[in-house]
């Protein structure tokens, strides 16, 4: 029973802390760019390596 007297205020504090962080992120413009992620999928990444060309076997080369 004494554990609940300690855990309930801690849970309420952590919940309010999370809510405060969420509200702060809303006010600071964290979620303002709604089209950036949607447009980002249309562009290729330049960092990916292209596979090397495999050797072609010429049927006339015997």
PDB file of N, CA and C in Angstrom:
ATOM      1  N   UNK A   1       0.818  -1.194   0.000  1.00  0.00           N
ATOM      2  CA  UNK A   1       0.000   0.000   0.000  1.00  0.00           C
ATOM      3  C   UNK A   1       0.861   1.257   0.000  1.00  0.00           C
ATOM      4  N   UNK A   2       1.973   1.184   0.717  1.00  0.00           N
ATOM      5  CA  UNK A   2       2.838   2.360   0.771  1.00  0.00           C
ATOM      6  C   UNK A   2       3.533   2.594  -0.576  1.00  0.00           C
ATOM      7  N   UNK A   3       3.638   1.534  -1.378  1.00  0.00           N
ATOM      8  CA  UNK A   3       4.222   1.688  -2.710  1.00  0.00           C
ATOM      9  C   UNK A   3       3.335   2.546  -3.605  1.00  0.00           C
ATOM     10  N   UNK A   4       2.024   2.392  -3.453  1.00  0.00           N
ATOM     11  CA  UNK A   4       1.095   3.174  -4.265  1.00  0.00           C
ATOM     12  C   UNK A   4       1.172   4.657  -3.922  1.00  0.00           C
ATOM     13  N   UNK A   5       1.437   4.971  -2.672  1.00  0.00           N
ATOM     14  CA  UNK A   5       1.560   6.369  -2.280  1.00  0.00           C
ATOM     15  C   UNK A   5       2.771   7.030  -2.922  1.00  0.00           C
ATOM     16  N   UNK A   6       3.732   6.237  -3.316  1.00  0.00           N
ATOM     17  CA  UNK A   6       4.910   6.753  -4.005  1.00  0.00           C
ATOM     18  C   UNK A   6       4.747   6.712  -5.526  1.00  0.00           C
ATOM     19  N   UNK A   7       4.157   5.628  -6.035  1.00  0.00           N
ATOM     20  CA  UNK A   7       4.087   5.436  -7.486  1.00  0.00           C
ATOM     21  C   UNK A   7       3.036   6.322  -8.164  1.00  0.00           C
ATOM     22  N   UNK A   8       1.924   6.599  -7.509  1.00  0.00           N
ATOM     23  CA  UNK A   8       0.870   7.418  -8.129  1.00  0.00           C
ATOM     24  C   UNK A   8       1.347   8.842  -8.392  1.00  0.00           C
ATOM     25  N   UNK A   9       1.995   9.530  -7.442  1.00  0.00           N
ATOM     26  CA  UNK A   9       2.506  10.872  -7.771  1.00  0.00           C
ATOM     27  C   UNK A   9       3.595  10.860  -8.835  1.00  0.00           C
ATOM     28  N   UNK A  10       4.419   9.825  -8.841  1.00  0.00           N
ATOM     29  CA  UNK A  10       5.454   9.730  -9.873  1.00  0.00           C
ATOM     30  C   UNK A  10       4.816   9.561 -11.246  1.00  0.00           C
ATOM     31  N   UNK A  11       3.783   8.714 -11.339  1.00  0.00           N
ATOM     32  CA  UNK A  11       3.083   8.501 -12.619  1.00  0.00           C
ATOM     33  C   UNK A  11       2.390   9.776 -13.084  1.00  0.00           C
ATOM     34  N   UNK A  12       1.770  10.486 -12.173  1.00  0.00           N
ATOM     35  CA  UNK A  12       1.121  11.744 -12.542  1.00  0.00           C
ATOM     36  C   UNK A  12       2.143  12.778 -12.998  1.00  0.00           C
ATOM     37  N   UNK A  13       3.261  12.845 -12.329  1.00  0.00           N
ATOM     38  CA  UNK A  13       4.313  13.789 -12.719  1.00  0.00           C
ATOM     39  C   UNK A  13       4.864  13.463 -14.104  1.00  0.00           C
ATOM     40  N   UNK A  14       5.121  12.196 -14.370  1.00  0.00           N
ATOM     41  CA  UNK A  14       5.640  11.806 -15.686  1.00  0.00           C
ATOM     42  C   UNK A  14       4.605  12.055 -16.792  1.00  0.00           C
ATOM     43  N   UNK A  15       3.334  11.837 -16.485  1.00  0.00           N
ATOM     44  CA  UNK A  15       2.274  12.113 -17.463  1.00  0.00           C
ATOM     45  C   UNK A  15       2.183  13.594 -17.784  1.00  0.00           C
ATOM     46  N   UNK A  16       2.246  14.424 -16.746  1.00  0.00           N
ATOM     47  CA  UNK A  16       2.202  15.872 -16.972  1.00  0.00           C
ATOM     48  C   UNK A  16       3.463  16.361 -17.681  1.00  0.00           C
ATOM     49  N   UNK A  17       4.582  15.746 -17.384  1.00  0.00           N
ATOM     50  CA  UNK A  17       5.830  16.100 -18.072  1.00  0.00           C
ATOM     51  C   UNK A  17       5.747  15.770 -19.567  1.00  0.00           C
ATOM     52  N   UNK A  18       5.193  14.611 -19.897  1.00  0.00           N
ATOM     53  CA  UNK A  18       5.003  14.228 -21.294  1.00  0.00           C
ATOM     54  C   UNK A  18       4.026  15.143 -22.011  1.00  0.00           C
ATOM     55  N   UNK A  19       2.943  15.489 -21.335  1.00  0.00           N
ATOM     56  CA  UNK A  19       1.968  16.407 -21.917  1.00  0.00           C
ATOM     57  C   UNK A  19       2.587  17.781 -22.145  1.00  0.00           C
ATOM     58  N   UNK A  20       3.378  18.239 -21.199  1.00  0.00           N
ATOM     59  CA  UNK A  20       4.057  19.528 -21.348  1.00  0.00           C
ATOM     60  C   UNK A  20       5.038  19.522 -22.509  1.00  0.00           C
ATOM     61  N   UNK A  21       5.774  18.413 -22.677  1.00  0.00           N
ATOM     62  CA  UNK A  21       6.708  18.311 -23.800  1.00  0.00           C
ATOM     63  C   UNK A  21       5.967  18.304 -25.130  1.00  0.00           C
ATOM     64  N   UNK A  22       4.819  17.635 -25.180  1.00  0.00           N
ATOM     65  CA  UNK A  22       4.027  17.610 -26.405  1.00  0.00           C
ATOM     66  C   UNK A  22       3.489  18.991 -26.747  1.00  0.00           C
ATOM     67  N   UNK A  23       2.963  19.683 -25.752  1.00  0.00           N
ATOM     68  CA  UNK A  23       2.431  21.031 -26.002  1.00  0.00           C
ATOM     69  C   UNK A  23       3.540  22.002 -26.397  1.00  0.00           C
ATOM     70  N   UNK A  24       4.710  21.858 -25.795  1.00  0.00           N
ATOM     71  CA  UNK A  24       5.846  22.698 -26.168  1.00  0.00           C
ATOM     72  C   UNK A  24       6.255  22.459 -27.623  1.00  0.00           C
ATOM     73  N   UNK A  25       6.248  21.176 -28.041  1.00  0.00           N
ATOM     74  CA  UNK A  25       6.625  20.879 -29.425  1.00  0.00           C
ATOM     75  C   UNK A  25       5.592  21.420 -30.407  1.00  0.00           C
ATOM     76  N   UNK A  26       4.322  21.447 -30.020  1.00  0.00           N
ATOM     77  CA  UNK A  26       3.302  22.043 -30.884  1.00  0.00           C
ATOM     78  C   UNK A  26       3.525  23.541 -31.048  1.00  0.00           C
ATOM     79  N   UNK A  27       3.834  24.217 -29.956  1.00  0.00           N
ATOM     80  CA  UNK A  27       4.022  25.672 -30.003  1.00  0.00           C
ATOM     81  C   UNK A  27       5.313  26.068 -30.702  1.00  0.00           C
ATOM     82  N   UNK A  28       6.323  25.205 -30.665  1.00  0.00           N
ATOM     83  CA  UNK A  28       7.610  25.565 -31.269  1.00  0.00           C
ATOM     84  C   UNK A  28       7.664  25.252 -32.761  1.00  0.00           C
ATOM     85  N   UNK A  29       6.594  24.685 -33.323  1.00  0.00           N
ATOM     86  CA  UNK A  29       6.550  24.448 -34.769  1.00  0.00           C
ATOM     87  C   UNK A  29       7.128  23.118 -35.193  1.00  0.00           C
ATOM     88  N   UNK A  30       7.161  22.149 -34.296  1.00  0.00           N
ATOM     89  CA  UNK A  30       7.721  20.843 -34.631  1.00  0.00           C
ATOM     90  C   UNK A  30       6.919  20.149 -35.724  1.00  0.00           C
ATOM     91  N   UNK A  31       5.626  20.351 -35.749  1.00  0.00           N
ATOM     92  CA  UNK A  31       4.753  19.637 -36.677  1.00  0.00           C
ATOM     93  C   UNK A  31       4.211  20.542 -37.781  1.00  0.00           C
ATOM     94  N   UNK A  32       4.909  21.616 -38.113  1.00  0.00           N
ATOM     95  CA  UNK A  32       4.424  22.546 -39.128  1.00  0.00           C
ATOM     96  C   UNK A  32       4.622  22.051 -40.555  1.00  0.00           C
ATOM     97  N   UNK A  33       5.664  21.273 -40.812  1.00  0.00           N
ATOM     98  CA  UNK A  33       5.977  20.834 -42.169  1.00  0.00           C
ATOM     99  C   UNK A  33       5.189  19.573 -42.488  1.00  0.00           C
ATOM    100  N   UNK A  34       3.985  19.745 -42.995  1.00  0.00           N
ATOM    101  CA  UNK A  34       3.137  18.597 -43.289  1.00  0.00           C
ATOM    102  C   UNK A  34       3.417  18.001 -44.673  1.00  0.00           C
ATOM    103  N   UNK A  35       4.012  18.770 -45.591  1.00  0.00           N
ATOM    104  CA  UNK A  35       4.241  18.277 -46.940  1.00  0.00           C
ATOM    105  C   UNK A  35       5.665  17.782 -47.160  1.00  0.00           C
ATOM    106  N   UNK A  36       6.552  18.049 -46.246  1.00  0.00           N
ATOM    107  CA  UNK A  36       7.952  17.667 -46.428  1.00  0.00           C
ATOM    108  C   UNK A  36       8.152  16.167 -46.548  1.00  0.00           C
ATOM    109  N   UNK A  37       7.536  15.414 -45.664  1.00  0.00           N
ATOM    110  CA  UNK A  37       7.680  13.961 -45.704  1.00  0.00           C
ATOM    111  C   UNK A  37       6.995  13.383 -46.937  1.00  0.00           C
ATOM    112  N   UNK A  38       5.885  13.981 -47.346  1.00  0.00           N
ATOM    113  CA  UNK A  38       5.177  13.477 -48.518  1.00  0.00           C
ATOM    114  C   UNK A  38       5.980  13.728 -49.796  1.00  0.00           C
ATOM    115  N   UNK A  39       6.682  14.846 -49.870  1.00  0.00           N
ATOM    116  CA  UNK A  39       7.483  15.141 -51.051  1.00  0.00           C
ATOM    117  C   UNK A  39       8.840  14.445 -51.019  1.00  0.00           C
ATOM    118  N   UNK A  40       9.322  14.121 -49.856  1.00  0.00           N
ATOM    119  CA  UNK A  40      10.647  13.510 -49.720  1.00  0.00           C
ATOM    120  C   UNK A  40      10.687  12.116 -50.326  1.00  0.00           C
ATOM    121  N   UNK A  41       9.547  11.434 -50.356  1.00  0.00           N
ATOM    122  CA  UNK A  41       9.517  10.081 -50.896  1.00  0.00           C
ATOM    123  C   UNK A  41       9.681  10.075 -52.417  1.00  0.00           C
ATOM    124  N   UNK A  42       9.454  11.208 -53.058  1.00  0.00           N
ATOM    125  CA  UNK A  42       9.531  11.270 -54.513  1.00  0.00           C
ATOM    126  C   UNK A  42      10.950  11.383 -55.035  1.00  0.00           C
ATOM    127  N   UNK A  43      11.904  11.711 -54.187  1.00  0.00           N
ATOM    128  CA  UNK A  43      13.286  11.920 -54.616  1.00  0.00           C
ATOM    129  C   UNK A  43      14.139  10.728 -54.252  1.00  0.00           C
ATOM    130  N   UNK A  44      15.072  10.376 -55.155  1.00  0.00           N
ATOM    131  CA  UNK A  44      15.986   9.274 -54.893  1.00  0.00           C
ATOM    132  C   UNK A  44      17.088   9.727 -53.957  1.00  0.00           C
ATOM    133  N   UNK A  45      17.590   8.790 -53.183  1.00  0.00           N
ATOM    134  CA  UNK A  45      18.738   9.077 -52.334  1.00  0.00           C
ATOM    135  C   UNK A  45      20.001   8.981 -53.175  1.00  0.00           C
ATOM    136  N   UNK A  46      20.887   9.947 -53.036  1.00  0.00           N
ATOM    137  CA  UNK A  46      22.143   9.921 -53.780  1.00  0.00           C
ATOM    138  C   UNK A  46      23.202   9.083 -53.081  1.00  0.00           C
ATOM    139  N   UNK A  47      22.957   8.688 -51.842  1.00  0.00           N
ATOM    140  CA  UNK A  47      23.949   7.961 -51.073  1.00  0.00           C
ATOM    141  C   UNK A  47      23.975   6.475 -51.385  1.00  0.00           C
ATOM    142  N   UNK A  48      22.971   5.955 -52.065  1.00  0.00           N
ATOM    143  CA  UNK A  48      22.938   4.519 -52.326  1.00  0.00           C
ATOM    144  C   UNK A  48      23.914   4.170 -53.429  1.00  0.00           C
ATOM    145  N   UNK A  49      24.533   3.036 -53.271  1.00  0.00           N
ATOM    146  CA  UNK A  49      25.497   2.571 -54.274  1.00  0.00           C
ATOM    147  C   UNK A  49      24.756   1.816 -55.376  1.00  0.00           C
ATOM    148  N   UNK A  50      25.186   2.033 -56.590  1.00  0.00           N
ATOM    149  CA  UNK A  50      24.600   1.308 -57.707  1.00  0.00           C
ATOM    150  C   UNK A  50      25.333  -0.010 -57.867  1.00  0.00           C
ATOM    151  N   UNK A  51      24.624  -1.079 -58.190  1.00  0.00           N
ATOM    152  CA  UNK A  51      25.308  -2.372 -58.357  1.00  0.00           C
ATOM    153  C   UNK A  51      26.214  -2.333 -59.578  1.00  0.00           C
ATOM    154  N   UNK A  52      27.320  -3.015 -59.456  1.00  0.00           N
ATOM    155  CA  UNK A  52      28.268  -3.056 -60.565  1.00  0.00           C
ATOM    156  C   UNK A  52      27.681  -3.876 -61.704  1.00  0.00           C
ATOM    157  N   UNK A  53      28.062  -3.504 -62.920  1.00  0.00           N
ATOM    158  CA  UNK A  53      27.572  -4.232 -64.083  1.00  0.00           C
ATOM    159  C   UNK A  53      28.217  -5.617 -64.115  1.00  0.00           C
ATOM    160  N   UNK A  54      27.391  -6.600 -64.340  1.00  0.00           N
ATOM    161  CA  UNK A  54      27.925  -7.956 -64.432  1.00  0.00           C
ATOM    162  C   UNK A  54      28.549  -8.148 -65.812  1.00  0.00           C
ATOM    163  N   UNK A  55      29.474  -9.068 -65.878  1.00  0.00           N
ATOM    164  CA  UNK A  55      30.143  -9.344 -67.157  1.00  0.00           C
ATOM    165  C   UNK A  55      29.167 -10.026 -68.089  1.00  0.00           C
ATOM    166  N   UNK A  56      29.092  -9.490 -69.288  1.00  0.00           N
ATOM    167  CA  UNK A  56      28.216 -10.114 -70.271  1.00  0.00           C
ATOM    168  C   UNK A  56      29.006 -11.156 -71.043  1.00  0.00           C
ATOM    169  N   UNK A  57      28.362 -12.257 -71.294  1.00  0.00           N
ATOM    170  CA  UNK A  57      28.997 -13.323 -72.073  1.00  0.00           C
ATOM    171  C   UNK A  57      28.544 -13.169 -73.506  1.00  0.00           C
ATOM    172  N   UNK A  58      29.508 -13.007 -74.381  1.00  0.00           N
ATOM    173  CA  UNK A  58      29.217 -12.830 -75.799  1.00  0.00           C
ATOM    174  C   UNK A  58      29.105 -14.228 -76.425  1.00  0.00           C
ATOM    175  N   UNK A  59      27.934 -14.568 -77.004  1.00  0.00           N
ATOM    176  CA  UNK A  59      27.785 -15.909 -77.590  1.00  0.00           C
ATOM    177  C   UNK A  59      28.694 -16.120 -78.805  1.00  0.00           C
ATOM    178  N   UNK A  60      29.130 -15.055 -79.468  1.00  0.00           N
ATOM    179  CA  UNK A  60      29.988 -15.197 -80.638  1.00  0.00           C
ATOM    180  C   UNK A  60      31.456 -15.315 -80.254  1.00  0.00           C
ATOM    181  N   UNK A  61      31.792 -15.164 -79.009  1.00  0.00           N
ATOM    182  CA  UNK A  61      33.171 -15.185 -78.562  1.00  0.00           C
ATOM    183  C   UNK A  61      33.505 -16.583 -78.051  1.00  0.00           C
ATOM    184  N   UNK A  62      33.945 -17.482 -78.949  1.00  0.00           N
ATOM    185  CA  UNK A  62      34.249 -18.848 -78.544  1.00  0.00           C
ATOM    186  C   UNK A  62      35.671 -19.195 -78.887  1.00  0.00           C
TER     187      UNK A  62
END
